Protein backbone atom coordinates (compact mmCIF):
# COMPACT_ATOMS: atom_id res chain seq x y z
CA MET A 1 25.98 35.87 58.16
CA THR A 2 28.21 38.32 59.93
CA PRO A 3 29.02 41.75 58.52
CA LYS A 4 32.67 40.67 58.27
CA ILE A 5 31.79 37.75 55.99
CA MET A 6 29.50 39.92 53.88
CA ARG A 7 32.15 42.64 53.47
CA HIS A 8 34.74 40.05 52.52
CA LEU A 9 32.42 38.46 49.95
CA TRP A 10 31.72 41.78 48.25
CA SER A 11 35.41 42.67 48.23
CA VAL A 12 36.05 39.32 46.50
CA VAL A 13 33.36 40.16 43.94
CA GLU A 14 34.92 43.57 43.32
CA ALA A 15 38.41 42.08 42.99
CA SER A 16 37.31 39.35 40.58
CA GLN A 17 37.67 39.87 36.87
CA SER A 18 34.41 40.78 35.18
CA LYS A 19 35.06 38.30 32.39
CA THR A 20 35.32 35.44 34.90
CA LEU A 21 32.12 36.44 36.70
CA LEU A 22 30.22 36.60 33.43
CA GLN A 23 31.54 33.40 31.85
CA LEU A 24 30.92 30.92 34.67
CA ASP A 25 27.62 29.09 35.06
CA ASP A 26 25.68 29.62 38.30
CA VAL A 27 27.05 26.59 40.16
CA SER A 28 30.66 27.31 39.23
CA LEU A 29 30.33 30.98 40.11
CA VAL A 30 28.88 30.19 43.55
CA GLN A 31 31.66 27.67 44.17
CA LEU A 32 34.34 30.13 43.10
CA LEU A 33 33.04 32.94 45.30
CA VAL A 34 32.59 30.66 48.32
CA LYS A 35 36.11 29.31 47.88
CA GLN A 36 37.62 32.78 47.46
CA THR A 37 35.69 34.12 50.47
CA THR A 38 36.63 31.25 52.75
CA ILE A 39 40.37 31.38 51.95
CA HIS A 40 40.92 34.01 54.65
CA LEU A 41 37.92 33.29 56.85
CA SER A 42 37.34 30.22 58.95
CA LEU A 43 33.68 29.33 58.43
CA ASP A 44 31.69 26.45 59.85
CA CYS A 45 29.41 24.37 57.63
CA HIS A 46 26.31 26.43 58.53
CA GLU A 47 28.02 29.69 57.59
CA THR A 48 29.27 28.18 54.34
CA ASP A 49 25.77 26.92 53.47
CA PHE A 50 24.28 30.32 54.25
CA LEU A 51 26.99 32.03 52.21
CA SER A 52 26.24 29.77 49.24
CA SER A 53 22.52 30.53 49.47
CA TYR A 54 23.21 34.25 49.80
CA ILE A 55 25.48 34.25 46.74
CA GLN A 56 22.93 32.24 44.76
CA SER A 57 20.25 34.82 45.55
CA ARG A 58 22.58 37.67 44.50
CA LEU A 59 23.85 36.23 41.20
CA PRO A 60 21.86 38.66 39.03
CA LEU A 61 23.30 41.58 41.01
CA ILE A 62 26.83 40.17 40.82
CA ARG A 63 26.55 39.74 37.06
CA ASP A 64 25.04 43.21 36.62
CA MET A 65 27.95 44.69 38.55
CA ALA A 66 30.43 42.75 36.40
CA LYS A 67 28.74 43.96 33.20
CA GLN A 68 28.81 47.53 34.46
CA ARG A 69 32.53 47.33 35.20
CA GLN A 70 33.23 45.70 31.87
CA TYR A 71 31.69 48.58 29.95
CA SER A 72 33.03 51.38 32.13
């Protein structure tokens, strides 16, 4: 995954409402973040698969960040 894709993903996470990130189940959250990330980026199927796997592996971090923002 390129640094550009990674930066865009994390900006999507930061811009997303905490409530949304916390309410969705794992599959729905991955789908949402992939969709939001790929809106502005043209990704091939390999990059999209890698992005999905990367997001899946970072779900606890994403939810921790959302909880932190919610209580701040």
